[in-house]
Protein backbone atom coordinates (compact mmCIF):
# COMPACT_ATOMS: atom_id res chain seq x y z
CA MET A 1 -0.26 0.25 0.27
CA THR A 2 1.39 3.14 -0.63
CA LEU A 3 1.64 6.49 1.05
CA THR A 4 -1.30 8.11 -0.71
CA GLU A 5 -3.95 4.76 -0.57
CA SER A 6 -3.64 5.08 3.25
CA VAL A 7 -3.70 8.44 3.56
CA ASP A 8 -6.66 8.14 1.72
CA ARG A 9 -7.98 5.59 3.61
CA GLN A 10 -7.51 7.18 6.96
CA ALA A 11 -9.70 10.39 5.73
CA ASN A 12 -12.07 8.44 4.47
CA ARG A 13 -12.45 6.83 7.94
CA ALA A 14 -12.72 10.63 9.11
CA LEU A 15 -15.21 10.80 7.07
CA ARG A 16 -17.08 8.35 7.56
CA ALA A 17 -17.09 8.76 11.42
CA ARG A 18 -18.09 12.46 11.52
CA PHE A 19 -20.85 11.94 9.30
CA ASP A 20 -21.71 8.95 11.35
CA ASP A 21 -21.84 11.50 14.24
CA VAL A 22 -23.88 14.19 12.79
CA TYR A 23 -26.25 11.31 11.15
CA GLY A 24 -26.07 10.39 14.57
CA GLN A 25 -27.38 13.62 15.64
CA TYR A 26 -29.65 14.34 13.05
CA GLN A 27 -31.08 10.93 14.17
CA ARG A 28 -31.70 11.81 17.62
CA LEU A 29 -33.40 15.42 16.74
CA ARG A 30 -36.01 13.92 14.43
CA SER A 31 -37.42 11.44 16.98
CA GLY A 32 -36.82 14.12 19.54
CA LEU A 33 -38.48 16.70 18.37
CA ASP A 34 -42.29 15.68 19.26
CA GLU A 35 -40.93 15.36 22.85
CA LEU A 36 -38.97 18.55 22.84
CA GLN A 37 -41.70 20.21 21.31
CA THR A 38 -43.78 19.06 24.68
CA ARG A 39 -41.28 19.52 26.71
CA LEU A 40 -41.05 23.45 25.62
CA ALA A 41 -44.51 24.39 25.41
CA GLU A 42 -45.30 22.47 29.23
CA LEU A 43 -41.90 24.48 30.71
CA ARG A 44 -42.62 27.56 33.41
CA VAL A 45 -40.96 29.32 35.22
CA THR A 46 -42.01 31.20 38.53
CA GLU A 47 -39.70 34.52 39.90
CA ARG A 48 -40.56 36.41 43.15
CA SER A 49 -39.91 40.13 43.40
CA ASP A 50 -37.21 40.68 47.05
CA ASP A 51 -39.92 41.15 48.96
CA GLY A 52 -42.30 38.61 47.81
CA GLN A 53 -45.01 41.02 46.89
CA VAL A 54 -44.95 40.31 43.17
CA ILE A 55 -44.67 36.23 41.59
CA ALA A 56 -44.18 36.38 37.34
CA THR A 57 -44.17 32.94 35.47
CA VAL A 58 -43.65 33.16 32.60
CA GLY A 59 -43.08 30.77 29.40
CA ALA A 60 -39.72 28.87 27.27
CA ARG A 61 -39.27 31.35 24.74
CA GLY A 62 -40.23 34.60 28.33
CA GLN A 63 -43.53 34.89 27.07
CA VAL A 64 -45.64 35.99 30.70
CA ILE A 65 -48.49 33.22 31.69
CA SER A 66 -49.25 35.30 34.89
CA VAL A 67 -48.31 37.44 37.55
CA GLN A 68 -49.07 37.56 40.89
CA LEU A 69 -50.05 40.70 43.05
CA SER A 70 -49.66 40.04 47.01
CA PRO A 71 -52.83 42.45 48.84
CA ALA A 72 -49.38 44.50 50.37
CA VAL A 73 -48.77 45.70 47.24
CA PHE A 74 -51.19 48.07 47.46
CA ARG A 75 -50.82 49.72 51.02
CA ASP A 76 -47.55 51.36 49.59
CA ARG A 77 -50.24 53.37 47.30
CA ASP A 78 -46.78 54.35 45.03
CA ALA A 79 -47.37 53.38 41.46
CA GLU A 80 -43.60 53.63 40.07
CA VAL A 81 -42.35 51.57 42.27
CA LEU A 82 -45.41 48.44 41.83
CA SER A 83 -44.24 49.30 37.91
CA ARG A 84 -40.54 48.62 38.72
CA LYS A 85 -41.18 45.10 41.08
CA ILE A 86 -43.34 43.13 38.65
CA THR A 87 -40.64 44.49 35.40
CA ARG A 88 -37.96 43.53 37.32
CA THR A 89 -39.33 40.58 38.20
CA VAL A 90 -40.79 39.47 34.69
CA GLN A 91 -37.62 39.89 33.64
CA ARG A 92 -35.57 37.93 35.95
CA ALA A 93 -38.26 35.19 35.09
CA ALA A 94 -37.43 35.61 31.27
CA THR A 95 -33.61 34.97 31.34
CA ALA A 96 -34.17 32.43 33.89
CA ALA A 97 -36.74 30.97 31.30
CA THR A 98 -34.30 31.20 28.74
CA SER A 99 -31.64 28.84 30.02
CA ALA A 100 -33.55 26.35 30.76
CA THR A 101 -34.33 26.15 27.55
CA GLN A 102 -31.12 26.60 26.47
CA GLU A 103 -30.49 23.29 28.40
CA LEU A 104 -33.79 21.15 27.92
CA VAL A 105 -33.21 22.15 24.22
CA GLY A 106 -29.30 21.55 24.59
CA GLY A 107 -29.55 18.22 25.09
CA TYR A 108 -31.97 18.04 21.42
CA LEU A 109 -30.38 19.78 19.31
CA PRO A 110 -26.46 19.48 17.26
CA ASP A 111 -24.14 22.56 17.76
CA GLY A 112 -24.14 25.32 14.95
CA PRO A 113 -25.70 28.00 13.57
CA GLY A 114 -28.78 26.54 12.89
CA SER A 115 -29.70 25.22 16.57
CA ALA A 116 -29.19 29.09 17.83
CA GLU A 117 -31.38 30.30 14.84
CA PHE A 118 -33.99 28.03 16.37
CA LEU A 119 -33.54 29.39 20.16
CA ARG A 120 -34.43 32.96 19.06
CA SER A 121 -37.12 31.70 16.56
CA GLY A 122 -38.95 28.53 17.79
CA ASP A 123 -38.92 27.67 13.97
CA PHE A 124 -38.92 23.99 13.81
CA GLY A 125 -39.30 23.45 10.30
CA ALA A 126 -36.22 25.50 9.27
CA LEU A 127 -33.95 24.03 11.66
CA LEU A 128 -35.18 20.49 10.44
CA GLY A 129 -35.06 21.92 6.66
CA ARG A 130 -31.24 22.91 7.51
CA ALA A 131 -30.64 19.96 9.14
CA ASP A 132 -32.25 18.21 5.54
CA ALA A 133 -30.13 20.15 3.42
CA ALA A 134 -27.07 19.26 5.57
CA LEU A 135 -27.33 15.57 4.90
CA ARG A 136 -28.12 16.14 1.23
CA GLY A 137 -24.45 18.39 0.94
CA GLU A 138 -26.76 21.27 0.06
CA GLY A 139 -24.82 22.95 2.55
CA GLY A 140 -27.29 26.31 4.01
CA PRO A 141 -26.96 29.66 4.01
CA HIS A 142 -23.93 30.42 5.01
CA ASP A 143 -21.91 28.13 1.46
């Protein structure tokens, strides 16, 4: 066997191993898609204000599900303070929801720009379209 043949075989083995890895990630994404959608739809994150007077619950994409106010907030009668307290609490909940969503989704998605775009848009179709194109060797939007 010549040196060229040996290098070609090693390159082919490495290429096959990479393809197997990418294809395995793709299959995991496809098979776990329904479960992921369900878990994201059910994800709720709840945060309390420092004084416990405001409770905000948000969904996976930071959308407000509910805001609860303790009767004690009405004693202060300061709308600006209450407004800031609600805003801060909702922002903390949204930040926590982003982290929880990234952690949840991270178990299903391969690394790369398509996964990051999905986290921003929630568009499963575009994510899978990119994966399909990559497997067909068509590349993606950055080619």
